[in-house]
Amino acid sequence: MAKQRIYKVIFFNQGQVYEVYAHRVAQGSLMGFVEVEQLSFGERSQLVVDPSEERLASEFEGVSRTYIPMHAVIRIDEVERVGTGKITDAKGNVTPFPVPGFGPGPGPQR
């Protein structure tokens, strides 16, 4: 039986750093997004309950696939096993990847 791949995806979302585990990560069909599927959360039989992981599990409850903006991704690692997902406050120097601006601006030069 082939070993199933597990990925740890760390990304920035609304002033916090999310760490989730998934079995499938790919370039999304939406341009500029990373597609993350089959999210996994730690064992439910543990006696110690991590409120951060519980919050993460409830936030992604019922989600079969999520699209994360490419500029919000901090890191994607292939790991040996599912760890404990968590949400932490962004401390220190977390800077999103620079993206060129396509907003309104001056019209064409004449």
PDB file of N, CA and C in Angstrom:
ATOM      1  N   MET A   1       0.841  -1.180   0.000  1.00  0.00           N
ATOM      2  CA  MET A   1       0.000   0.000   0.000  1.00  0.00           C
ATOM      3  C   MET A   1       0.884   1.240   0.000  1.00  0.00           C
ATOM      4  N   ALA A   2       0.571   2.178  -0.849  1.00  0.00           N
ATOM      5  CA  ALA A   2       1.357   3.404  -0.962  1.00  0.00           C
ATOM      6  C   ALA A   2       1.124   4.296   0.257  1.00  0.00           C
ATOM      7  N   LYS A   3       2.181   4.927   0.672  1.00  0.00           N
ATOM      8  CA  LYS A   3       2.102   5.837   1.818  1.00  0.00           C
ATOM      9  C   LYS A   3       1.331   7.090   1.413  1.00  0.00           C
ATOM     10  N   GLN A   4       0.350   7.469   2.232  1.00  0.00           N
ATOM     11  CA  GLN A   4      -0.444   8.654   1.925  1.00  0.00           C
ATOM     12  C   GLN A   4       0.319   9.906   2.350  1.00  0.00           C
ATOM     13  N   ARG A   5       0.361  10.879   1.469  1.00  0.00           N
ATOM     14  CA  ARG A   5       1.081  12.116   1.749  1.00  0.00           C
ATOM     15  C   ARG A   5       0.262  13.002   2.682  1.00  0.00           C
ATOM     16  N   ILE A   6       0.977  13.692   3.563  1.00  0.00           N
ATOM     17  CA  ILE A   6       0.357  14.638   4.488  1.00  0.00           C
ATOM     18  C   ILE A   6       1.149  15.933   4.400  1.00  0.00           C
ATOM     19  N   TYR A   7       0.430  17.036   4.302  1.00  0.00           N
ATOM     20  CA  TYR A   7       1.060  18.345   4.183  1.00  0.00           C
ATOM     21  C   TYR A   7       0.664  19.228   5.355  1.00  0.00           C
ATOM     22  N   LYS A   8       1.646  19.962   5.853  1.00  0.00           N
ATOM     23  CA  LYS A   8       1.394  21.002   6.852  1.00  0.00           C
ATOM     24  C   LYS A   8       1.401  22.321   6.104  1.00  0.00           C
ATOM     25  N   VAL A   9       0.275  23.039   6.168  1.00  0.00           N
ATOM     26  CA  VAL A   9       0.133  24.302   5.457  1.00  0.00           C
ATOM     27  C   VAL A   9       0.029  25.413   6.496  1.00  0.00           C
ATOM     28  N   ILE A  10       0.928  26.377   6.422  1.00  0.00           N
ATOM     29  CA  ILE A  10       0.927  27.513   7.346  1.00  0.00           C
ATOM     30  C   ILE A  10       0.624  28.755   6.521  1.00  0.00           C
ATOM     31  N   PHE A  11      -0.406  29.492   6.945  1.00  0.00           N
ATOM     32  CA  PHE A  11      -0.793  30.679   6.194  1.00  0.00           C
ATOM     33  C   PHE A  11      -1.290  31.778   7.121  1.00  0.00           C
ATOM     34  N   PHE A  12      -1.281  32.975   6.609  1.00  0.00           N
ATOM     35  CA  PHE A  12      -1.650  34.184   7.331  1.00  0.00           C
ATOM     36  C   PHE A  12      -3.104  34.512   7.000  1.00  0.00           C
ATOM     37  N   ASN A  13      -3.941  34.758   8.040  1.00  0.00           N
ATOM     38  CA  ASN A  13      -5.353  35.076   7.831  1.00  0.00           C
ATOM     39  C   ASN A  13      -5.832  36.039   8.908  1.00  0.00           C
ATOM     40  N   GLN A  14      -6.189  37.241   8.528  1.00  0.00           N
ATOM     41  CA  GLN A  14      -6.779  38.249   9.407  1.00  0.00           C
ATOM     42  C   GLN A  14      -5.985  38.451  10.699  1.00  0.00           C
ATOM     43  N   GLY A  15      -4.689  38.688  10.556  1.00  0.00           N
ATOM     44  CA  GLY A  15      -3.837  38.980  11.698  1.00  0.00           C
ATOM     45  C   GLY A  15      -3.425  37.774  12.515  1.00  0.00           C
ATOM     46  N   GLN A  16      -3.733  36.568  12.028  1.00  0.00           N
ATOM     47  CA  GLN A  16      -3.362  35.356  12.743  1.00  0.00           C
ATOM     48  C   GLN A  16      -2.684  34.378  11.791  1.00  0.00           C
ATOM     49  N   VAL A  17      -1.892  33.485  12.371  1.00  0.00           N
ATOM     50  CA  VAL A  17      -1.206  32.459  11.601  1.00  0.00           C
ATOM     51  C   VAL A  17      -1.913  31.131  11.846  1.00  0.00           C
ATOM     52  N   TYR A  18      -2.376  30.520  10.761  1.00  0.00           N
ATOM     53  CA  TYR A  18      -3.075  29.235  10.816  1.00  0.00           C
ATOM     54  C   TYR A  18      -2.112  28.136  10.415  1.00  0.00           C
ATOM     55  N   GLU A  19      -2.195  27.000  11.111  1.00  0.00           N
ATOM     56  CA  GLU A  19      -1.416  25.816  10.763  1.00  0.00           C
ATOM     57  C   GLU A  19      -2.401  24.664  10.636  1.00  0.00           C
ATOM     58  N   VAL A  20      -2.566  24.142   9.421  1.00  0.00           N
ATOM     59  CA  VAL A  20      -3.502  23.043   9.178  1.00  0.00           C
ATOM     60  C   VAL A  20      -2.773  21.896   8.490  1.00  0.00           C
ATOM     61  N   TYR A  21      -3.369  20.716   8.585  1.00  0.00           N
ATOM     62  CA  TYR A  21      -2.821  19.525   7.951  1.00  0.00           C
ATOM     63  C   TYR A  21      -3.819  19.028   6.922  1.00  0.00           C
ATOM     64  N   ALA A  22      -3.312  18.627   5.757  1.00  0.00           N
ATOM     65  CA  ALA A  22      -4.176  18.189   4.671  1.00  0.00           C
ATOM     66  C   ALA A  22      -3.508  17.046   3.905  1.00  0.00           C
ATOM     67  N   HIS A  23      -4.340  16.281   3.206  1.00  0.00           N
ATOM     68  CA  HIS A  23      -3.832  15.165   2.411  1.00  0.00           C
ATOM     69  C   HIS A  23      -3.637  15.534   0.948  1.00  0.00           C
ATOM     70  N   ARG A  24      -4.155  16.686   0.552  1.00  0.00           N
ATOM     71  CA  ARG A  24      -3.986  17.114  -0.840  1.00  0.00           C
ATOM     72  C   ARG A  24      -3.809  18.621  -0.914  1.00  0.00           C
ATOM     73  N   VAL A  25      -2.728  19.050  -1.570  1.00  0.00           N
ATOM     74  CA  VAL A  25      -2.451  20.468  -1.792  1.00  0.00           C
ATOM     75  C   VAL A  25      -2.042  20.602  -3.256  1.00  0.00           C
ATOM     76  N   ALA A  26      -2.649  21.563  -3.944  1.00  0.00           N
ATOM     77  CA  ALA A  26      -2.352  21.739  -5.366  1.00  0.00           C
ATOM     78  C   ALA A  26      -2.512  23.193  -5.756  1.00  0.00           C
ATOM     79  N   GLN A  27      -1.974  23.514  -6.926  1.00  0.00           N
ATOM     80  CA  GLN A  27      -2.222  24.835  -7.486  1.00  0.00           C
ATOM     81  C   GLN A  27      -3.705  24.876  -7.814  1.00  0.00           C
ATOM     82  N   GLY A  28      -4.388  25.869  -7.317  1.00  0.00           N
ATOM     83  CA  GLY A  28      -5.826  25.930  -7.490  1.00  0.00           C
ATOM     84  C   GLY A  28      -6.256  26.228  -8.910  1.00  0.00           C
ATOM     85  N   SER A  29      -7.484  25.847  -9.208  1.00  0.00           N
ATOM     86  CA  SER A  29      -8.042  26.163 -10.523  1.00  0.00           C
ATOM     87  C   SER A  29      -8.384  27.650 -10.608  1.00  0.00           C
ATOM     88  N   LEU A  30      -8.420  28.321  -9.456  1.00  0.00           N
ATOM     89  CA  LEU A  30      -8.587  29.771  -9.426  1.00  0.00           C
ATOM     90  C   LEU A  30      -7.194  30.387  -9.412  1.00  0.00           C
ATOM     91  N   MET A  31      -6.925  31.264 -10.356  1.00  0.00           N
ATOM     92  CA  MET A  31      -5.594  31.857 -10.461  1.00  0.00           C
ATOM     93  C   MET A  31      -5.214  32.598  -9.182  1.00  0.00           C
ATOM     94  N   GLY A  32      -4.026  32.313  -8.668  1.00  0.00           N
ATOM     95  CA  GLY A  32      -3.521  32.997  -7.486  1.00  0.00           C
ATOM     96  C   GLY A  32      -3.920  32.351  -6.174  1.00  0.00           C
ATOM     97  N   PHE A  33      -4.513  31.149  -6.222  1.00  0.00           N
ATOM     98  CA  PHE A  33      -4.935  30.468  -5.000  1.00  0.00           C
ATOM     99  C   PHE A  33      -4.308  29.087  -4.918  1.00  0.00           C
ATOM    100  N   VAL A  34      -4.062  28.630  -3.687  1.00  0.00           N
ATOM    101  CA  VAL A  34      -3.602  27.277  -3.417  1.00  0.00           C
ATOM    102  C   VAL A  34      -4.818  26.490  -2.936  1.00  0.00           C
ATOM    103  N   GLU A  35      -5.046  25.348  -3.544  1.00  0.00           N
ATOM    104  CA  GLU A  35      -6.201  24.506  -3.225  1.00  0.00           C
ATOM    105  C   GLU A  35      -5.788  23.478  -2.170  1.00  0.00           C
ATOM    106  N   VAL A  36      -6.505  23.450  -1.042  1.00  0.00           N
ATOM    107  CA  VAL A  36      -6.189  22.539   0.051  1.00  0.00           C
ATOM    108  C   VAL A  36      -7.422  21.673   0.309  1.00  0.00           C
ATOM    109  N   GLU A  37      -7.241  20.344   0.242  1.00  0.00           N
ATOM    110  CA  GLU A  37      -8.360  19.412   0.408  1.00  0.00           C
ATOM    111  C   GLU A  37      -8.053  18.378   1.472  1.00  0.00           C
ATOM    112  N   GLN A  38      -9.091  17.723   1.937  1.00  0.00           N
ATOM    113  CA  GLN A  38      -9.012  16.638   2.913  1.00  0.00           C
ATOM    114  C   GLN A  38      -8.249  17.077   4.162  1.00  0.00           C
ATOM    115  N   LEU A  39      -8.758  18.112   4.806  1.00  0.00           N
ATOM    116  CA  LEU A  39      -8.143  18.611   6.034  1.00  0.00           C
ATOM    117  C   LEU A  39      -8.210  17.543   7.114  1.00  0.00           C
ATOM    118  N   SER A  40      -7.162  17.442   7.923  1.00  0.00           N
ATOM    119  CA  SER A  40      -7.097  16.476   9.015  1.00  0.00           C
ATOM    120  C   SER A  40      -6.838  17.205  10.309  1.00  0.00           C
ATOM    121  N   PHE A  41      -7.476  16.726  11.347  1.00  0.00           N
ATOM    122  CA  PHE A  41      -7.270  17.292  12.678  1.00  0.00           C
ATOM    123  C   PHE A  41      -6.814  16.166  13.589  1.00  0.00           C
ATOM    124  N   GLY A  42      -6.185  16.503  14.715  1.00  0.00           N
ATOM    125  CA  GLY A  42      -5.611  15.510  15.621  1.00  0.00           C
ATOM    126  C   GLY A  42      -6.631  14.509  16.131  1.00  0.00           C
ATOM    127  N   GLU A  43      -6.121  13.516  16.814  1.00  0.00           N
ATOM    128  CA  GLU A  43      -6.972  12.477  17.379  1.00  0.00           C
ATOM    129  C   GLU A  43      -7.966  13.060  18.368  1.00  0.00           C
ATOM    130  N   ARG A  44      -9.203  12.627  18.286  1.00  0.00           N
ATOM    131  CA  ARG A  44     -10.249  13.116  19.179  1.00  0.00           C
ATOM    132  C   ARG A  44     -10.266  12.376  20.522  1.00  0.00           C
ATOM    133  N   SER A  45      -9.450  11.325  20.674  1.00  0.00           N
ATOM    134  CA  SER A  45      -9.459  10.543  21.900  1.00  0.00           C
ATOM    135  C   SER A  45      -8.500  11.074  22.956  1.00  0.00           C
ATOM    136  N   GLN A  46      -7.826  12.161  22.685  1.00  0.00           N
ATOM    137  CA  GLN A  46      -6.875  12.710  23.639  1.00  0.00           C
ATOM    138  C   GLN A  46      -7.610  13.291  24.842  1.00  0.00           C
ATOM    139  N   LEU A  47      -6.998  13.170  26.012  1.00  0.00           N
ATOM    140  CA  LEU A  47      -7.598  13.720  27.218  1.00  0.00           C
ATOM    141  C   LEU A  47      -7.439  15.227  27.292  1.00  0.00           C
ATOM    142  N   VAL A  48      -6.305  15.727  26.844  1.00  0.00           N
ATOM    143  CA  VAL A  48      -6.052  17.165  26.867  1.00  0.00           C
ATOM    144  C   VAL A  48      -6.630  17.767  25.580  1.00  0.00           C
ATOM    145  N   VAL A  49      -7.521  18.726  25.757  1.00  0.00           N
ATOM    146  CA  VAL A  49      -8.152  19.354  24.602  1.00  0.00           C
ATOM    147  C   VAL A  49      -7.493  20.701  24.362  1.00  0.00           C
ATOM    148  N   ASP A  50      -7.005  20.900  23.148  1.00  0.00           N
ATOM    149  CA  ASP A  50      -6.370  22.153  22.778  1.00  0.00           C
ATOM    150  C   ASP A  50      -7.449  23.079  22.221  1.00  0.00           C
ATOM    151  N   PRO A  51      -7.750  24.195  22.913  1.00  0.00           N
ATOM    152  CA  PRO A  51      -8.812  25.079  22.431  1.00  0.00           C
ATOM    153  C   PRO A  51      -8.517  25.674  21.058  1.00  0.00           C
ATOM    154  N   SER A  52      -7.247  25.876  20.724  1.00  0.00           N
ATOM    155  CA  SER A  52      -6.888  26.407  19.416  1.00  0.00           C
ATOM    156  C   SER A  52      -7.262  25.420  18.323  1.00  0.00           C
ATOM    157  N   GLU A  53      -6.990  24.130  18.550  1.00  0.00           N
ATOM    158  CA  GLU A  53      -7.331  23.120  17.557  1.00  0.00           C
ATOM    159  C   GLU A  53      -8.843  22.942  17.457  1.00  0.00           C
ATOM    160  N   GLU A  54      -9.539  23.035  18.583  1.00  0.00           N
ATOM    161  CA  GLU A  54     -11.000  22.933  18.558  1.00  0.00           C
ATOM    162  C   GLU A  54     -11.599  24.077  17.755  1.00  0.00           C
ATOM    163  N   ARG A  55     -11.059  25.272  17.913  1.00  0.00           N
ATOM    164  CA  ARG A  55     -11.530  26.435  17.162  1.00  0.00           C
ATOM    165  C   ARG A  55     -11.274  26.252  15.673  1.00  0.00           C
ATOM    166  N   LEU A  56     -10.113  25.719  15.352  1.00  0.00           N
ATOM    167  CA  LEU A  56      -9.743  25.458  13.967  1.00  0.00           C
ATOM    168  C   LEU A  56     -10.684  24.410  13.353  1.00  0.00           C
ATOM    169  N   ALA A  57     -10.941  23.340  14.085  1.00  0.00           N
ATOM    170  CA  ALA A  57     -11.829  22.280  13.594  1.00  0.00           C
ATOM    171  C   ALA A  57     -13.240  22.801  13.383  1.00  0.00           C
ATOM    172  N   SER A  58     -13.722  23.647  14.282  1.00  0.00           N
ATOM    173  CA  SER A  58     -15.082  24.176  14.112  1.00  0.00           C
ATOM    174  C   SER A  58     -15.142  25.183  12.968  1.00  0.00           C
ATOM    175  N   GLU A  59     -14.064  25.942  12.749  1.00  0.00           N
ATOM    176  CA  GLU A  59     -14.042  26.902  11.647  1.00  0.00           C
ATOM    177  C   GLU A  59     -14.087  26.199  10.292  1.00  0.00           C
ATOM    178  N   PHE A  60     -13.430  25.040  10.189  1.00  0.00           N
ATOM    179  CA  PHE A  60     -13.384  24.310   8.926  1.00  0.00           C
ATOM    180  C   PHE A  60     -14.359  23.133   8.887  1.00  0.00           C
ATOM    181  N   GLU A  61     -15.281  23.076   9.819  1.00  0.00           N
ATOM    182  CA  GLU A  61     -16.270  21.999   9.847  1.00  0.00           C
ATOM    183  C   GLU A  61     -17.123  22.042   8.577  1.00  0.00           C
ATOM    184  N   GLY A  62     -17.256  20.910   7.931  1.00  0.00           N
ATOM    185  CA  GLY A  62     -18.048  20.824   6.710  1.00  0.00           C
ATOM    186  C   GLY A  62     -17.346  21.312   5.452  1.00  0.00           C
ATOM    187  N   VAL A  63     -16.091  21.740   5.565  1.00  0.00           N
ATOM    188  CA  VAL A  63     -15.339  22.236   4.410  1.00  0.00           C
ATOM    189  C   VAL A  63     -14.619  21.055   3.761  1.00  0.00           C
ATOM    190  N   SER A  64     -14.912  20.807   2.484  1.00  0.00           N
ATOM    191  CA  SER A  64     -14.222  19.725   1.787  1.00  0.00           C
ATOM    192  C   SER A  64     -12.995  20.239   1.037  1.00  0.00           C
ATOM    193  N   ARG A  65     -13.016  21.518   0.656  1.00  0.00           N
ATOM    194  CA  ARG A  65     -11.900  22.125  -0.074  1.00  0.00           C
ATOM    195  C   ARG A  65     -11.867  23.603   0.269  1.00  0.00           C
ATOM    196  N   THR A  66     -10.678  24.123   0.483  1.00  0.00           N
ATOM    197  CA  THR A  66     -10.538  25.549   0.743  1.00  0.00           C
ATOM    198  C   THR A  66      -9.475  26.125  -0.199  1.00  0.00           C
ATOM    199  N   TYR A  67      -9.658  27.362  -0.569  1.00  0.00           N
ATOM    200  CA  TYR A  67      -8.715  28.060  -1.433  1.00  0.00           C
ATOM    201  C   TYR A  67      -8.047  29.154  -0.622  1.00  0.00           C
ATOM    202  N   ILE A  68      -6.731  29.103  -0.552  1.00  0.00           N
ATOM    203  CA  ILE A  68      -5.956  30.072   0.220  1.00  0.00           C
ATOM    204  C   ILE A  68      -5.216  30.964  -0.767  1.00  0.00           C
ATOM    205  N   PRO A  69      -5.335  32.287  -0.614  1.00  0.00           N
ATOM    206  CA  PRO A  69      -4.606  33.179  -1.520  1.00  0.00           C
ATOM    207  C   PRO A  69      -3.101  32.886  -1.460  1.00  0.00           C
ATOM    208  N   MET A  70      -2.483  32.800  -2.621  1.00  0.00           N
ATOM    209  CA  MET A  70      -1.072  32.442  -2.707  1.00  0.00           C
ATOM    210  C   MET A  70      -0.190  33.375  -1.882  1.00  0.00           C
ATOM    211  N   HIS A  71      -0.539  34.657  -1.842  1.00  0.00           N
ATOM    212  CA  HIS A  71       0.296  35.609  -1.110  1.00  0.00           C
ATOM    213  C   HIS A  71       0.147  35.460   0.405  1.00  0.00           C
ATOM    214  N   ALA A  72      -0.845  34.696   0.878  1.00  0.00           N
ATOM    215  CA  ALA A  72      -1.025  34.489   2.314  1.00  0.00           C
ATOM    216  C   ALA A  72      -0.269  33.258   2.819  1.00  0.00           C
ATOM    217  N   VAL A  73       0.179  32.404   1.914  1.00  0.00           N
ATOM    218  CA  VAL A  73       0.875  31.173   2.308  1.00  0.00           C
ATOM    219  C   VAL A  73       2.272  31.515   2.813  1.00  0.00           C
ATOM    220  N   ILE A  74       2.574  31.027   4.002  1.00  0.00           N
ATOM    221  CA  ILE A  74       3.904  31.220   4.582  1.00  0.00           C
ATOM    222  C   ILE A  74       4.797  30.035   4.233  1.00  0.00           C
ATOM    223  N   ARG A  75       4.214  28.812   4.343  1.00  0.00           N
ATOM    224  CA  ARG A  75       5.033  27.619   4.136  1.00  0.00           C
ATOM    225  C   ARG A  75       4.138  26.400   3.925  1.00  0.00           C
ATOM    226  N   ILE A  76       4.600  25.463   3.093  1.00  0.00           N
ATOM    227  CA  ILE A  76       3.934  24.171   2.915  1.00  0.00           C
ATOM    228  C   ILE A  76       5.010  23.109   3.044  1.00  0.00           C
ATOM    229  N   ASP A  77       4.810  22.171   3.981  1.00  0.00           N
ATOM    230  CA  ASP A  77       5.766  21.085   4.214  1.00  0.00           C
ATOM    231  C   ASP A  77       5.081  19.747   4.037  1.00  0.00           C
ATOM    232  N   GLU A  78       5.779  18.772   3.467  1.00  0.00           N
ATOM    233  CA  GLU A  78       5.290  17.397   3.476  1.00  0.00           C
ATOM    234  C   GLU A  78       5.827  16.771   4.755  1.00  0.00           C
ATOM    235  N   VAL A  79       4.953  16.200   5.577  1.00  0.00           N
ATOM    236  CA  VAL A  79       5.342  15.680   6.889  1.00  0.00           C
ATOM    237  C   VAL A  79       4.994  14.195   7.000  1.00  0.00           C
ATOM    238  N   GLU A  80       5.500  13.556   8.043  1.00  0.00           N
ATOM    239  CA  GLU A  80       5.294  12.126   8.259  1.00  0.00           C
ATOM    240  C   GLU A  80       3.892  11.793   8.778  1.00  0.00           C
ATOM    241  N   ARG A  81       3.356  12.653   9.670  1.00  0.00           N
ATOM    242  CA  ARG A  81       2.041  12.366  10.255  1.00  0.00           C
ATOM    243  C   ARG A  81       1.321  13.664  10.605  1.00  0.00           C
ATOM    244  N   VAL A  82       0.034  13.530  10.836  1.00  0.00           N
ATOM    245  CA  VAL A  82      -0.796  14.684  11.181  1.00  0.00           C
ATOM    246  C   VAL A  82      -0.418  15.162  12.572  1.00  0.00           C
ATOM    247  N   GLY A  83      -0.144  16.447  12.696  1.00  0.00           N
ATOM    248  CA  GLY A  83       0.168  17.041  13.985  1.00  0.00           C
ATOM    249  C   GLY A  83      -1.041  17.792  14.516  1.00  0.00           C
ATOM    250  N   THR A  84      -0.798  18.653  15.454  1.00  0.00           N
ATOM    251  CA  THR A  84      -1.858  19.455  16.053  1.00  0.00           C
ATOM    252  C   THR A  84      -1.961  20.768  15.303  1.00  0.00           C
ATOM    253  N   GLY A  85      -3.117  20.994  14.689  1.00  0.00           N
ATOM    254  CA  GLY A  85      -3.345  22.263  14.017  1.00  0.00           C
ATOM    255  C   GLY A  85      -3.536  23.358  15.050  1.00  0.00           C
ATOM    256  N   LYS A  86      -3.246  24.583  14.665  1.00  0.00           N
ATOM    257  CA  LYS A  86      -3.393  25.663  15.636  1.00  0.00           C
ATOM    258  C   LYS A  86      -3.567  27.007  14.950  1.00  0.00           C
ATOM    259  N   ILE A  87      -4.071  27.939  15.708  1.00  0.00           N
ATOM    260  CA  ILE A  87      -4.192  29.330  15.291  1.00  0.00           C
ATOM    261  C   ILE A  87      -3.433  30.147  16.324  1.00  0.00           C
ATOM    262  N   THR A  88      -2.491  30.958  15.873  1.00  0.00           N
ATOM    263  CA  THR A  88      -1.726  31.802  16.784  1.00  0.00           C
ATOM    264  C   THR A  88      -1.749  33.236  16.288  1.00  0.00           C
ATOM    265  N   ASP A  89      -1.562  34.155  17.212  1.00  0.00           N
ATOM    266  CA  ASP A  89      -1.469  35.559  16.821  1.00  0.00           C
ATOM    267  C   ASP A  89      -0.156  35.780  16.082  1.00  0.00           C
ATOM    268  N   ALA A  90      -0.209  36.592  15.062  1.00  0.00           N
ATOM    269  CA  ALA A  90       0.995  36.906  14.290  1.00  0.00           C
ATOM    270  C   ALA A  90       1.847  37.860  15.111  1.00  0.00           C
ATOM    271  N   LYS A  91       2.974  37.364  15.586  1.00  0.00           N
ATOM    272  CA  LYS A  91       3.907  38.186  16.361  1.00  0.00           C
ATOM    273  C   LYS A  91       5.171  38.341  15.549  1.00  0.00           C
ATOM    274  N   GLY A  92       5.833  39.422  15.740  1.00  0.00           N
ATOM    275  CA  GLY A  92       7.094  39.615  15.045  1.00  0.00           C
ATOM    276  C   GLY A  92       6.889  40.153  13.649  1.00  0.00           C
ATOM    277  N   ASN A  93       7.684  39.644  12.738  1.00  0.00           N
ATOM    278  CA  ASN A  93       7.724  40.194  11.391  1.00  0.00           C
ATOM    279  C   ASN A  93       7.122  39.216  10.389  1.00  0.00           C
ATOM    280  N   VAL A  94       5.783  39.147  10.315  1.00  0.00           N
ATOM    281  CA  VAL A  94       5.101  38.327   9.317  1.00  0.00           C
ATOM    282  C   VAL A  94       4.632  39.274   8.230  1.00  0.00           C
ATOM    283  N   THR A  95       5.248  39.177   7.072  1.00  0.00           N
ATOM    284  CA  THR A  95       4.930  40.077   5.973  1.00  0.00           C
ATOM    285  C   THR A  95       4.391  39.272   4.808  1.00  0.00           C
ATOM    286  N   PRO A  96       3.201  39.614   4.301  1.00  0.00           N
ATOM    287  CA  PRO A  96       2.694  38.897   3.137  1.00  0.00           C
ATOM    288  C   PRO A  96       3.589  39.125   1.925  1.00  0.00           C
ATOM    289  N   PHE A  97       3.591  38.160   1.026  1.00  0.00           N
ATOM    290  CA  PHE A  97       4.362  38.253  -0.202  1.00  0.00           C
ATOM    291  C   PHE A  97       3.882  39.460  -0.997  1.00  0.00           C
ATOM    292  N   PRO A  98       4.785  40.288  -1.511  1.00  0.00           N
ATOM    293  CA  PRO A  98       4.352  41.473  -2.256  1.00  0.00           C
ATOM    294  C   PRO A  98       3.620  41.099  -3.544  1.00  0.00           C
ATOM    295  N   VAL A  99       2.530  41.783  -3.798  1.00  0.00           N
ATOM    296  CA  VAL A  99       1.722  41.534  -4.978  1.00  0.00           C
ATOM    297  C   VAL A  99       1.584  42.844  -5.745  1.00  0.00           C
ATOM    298  N   PRO A 100       1.782  42.822  -7.053  1.00  0.00           N
ATOM    299  CA  PRO A 100       1.633  44.066  -7.807  1.00  0.00           C
ATOM    300  C   PRO A 100       0.201  44.578  -7.732  1.00  0.00           C
ATOM    301  N   GLY A 101       0.070  45.880  -7.665  1.00  0.00           N
ATOM    302  CA  GLY A 101      -1.258  46.473  -7.562  1.00  0.00           C
ATOM    303  C   GLY A 101      -1.939  46.595  -8.913  1.00  0.00           C
ATOM    304  N   PHE A 102      -3.194  46.240  -8.946  1.00  0.00           N
ATOM    305  CA  PHE A 102      -3.986  46.352 -10.162  1.00  0.00           C
ATOM    306  C   PHE A 102      -5.209  47.225  -9.922  1.00  0.00           C
ATOM    307  N   GLY A 103      -5.113  48.093  -8.948  1.00  0.00           N
ATOM    308  CA  GLY A 103      -6.239  48.932  -8.576  1.00  0.00           C
ATOM    309  C   GLY A 103      -6.413  50.104  -9.520  1.00  0.00           C
ATOM    310  N   PRO A 104      -7.395  50.936  -9.200  1.00  0.00           N
ATOM    311  CA  PRO A 104      -7.629  52.106 -10.060  1.00  0.00           C
ATOM    312  C   PRO A 104      -6.434  53.048  -9.968  1.00  0.00           C
ATOM    313  N   GLY A 105      -6.178  53.665 -11.038  1.00  0.00           N
ATOM    314  CA  GLY A 105      -5.041  54.582 -11.101  1.00  0.00           C
ATOM    315  C   GLY A 105      -5.208  55.508 -12.285  1.00  0.00           C
ATOM    316  N   PRO A 106      -4.169  56.243 -12.590  1.00  0.00           N
ATOM    317  CA  PRO A 106      -4.262  57.146 -13.725  1.00  0.00           C
ATOM    318  C   PRO A 106      -4.489  56.358 -15.016  1.00  0.00           C
ATOM    319  N   GLY A 107      -5.248  56.970 -15.898  1.00  0.00           N
ATOM    320  CA  GLY A 107      -5.532  56.353 -17.193  1.00  0.00           C
ATOM    321  C   GLY A 107      -4.307  56.333 -18.066  1.00  0.00           C
ATOM    322  N   PRO A 108      -4.443  55.882 -19.303  1.00  0.00           N
ATOM    323  CA  PRO A 108      -3.298  55.813 -20.208  1.00  0.00           C
ATOM    324  C   PRO A 108      -2.743  57.200 -20.512  1.00  0.00           C
ATOM    325  N   GLN A 109      -1.455  57.264 -20.665  1.00  0.00           N
ATOM    326  CA  GLN A 109      -0.777  58.515 -20.999  1.00  0.00           C
ATOM    327  C   GLN A 109      -1.074  58.900 -22.438  1.00  0.00           C
ATOM    328  N   ARG A 110      -1.371  60.141 -22.696  1.00  0.00           N
ATOM    329  CA  ARG A 110      -1.633  60.610 -24.075  1.00  0.00           C
ATOM    330  C   ARG A 110      -0.629  61.622 -24.485  1.00  0.00           C
TER     331      ARG A 110
END
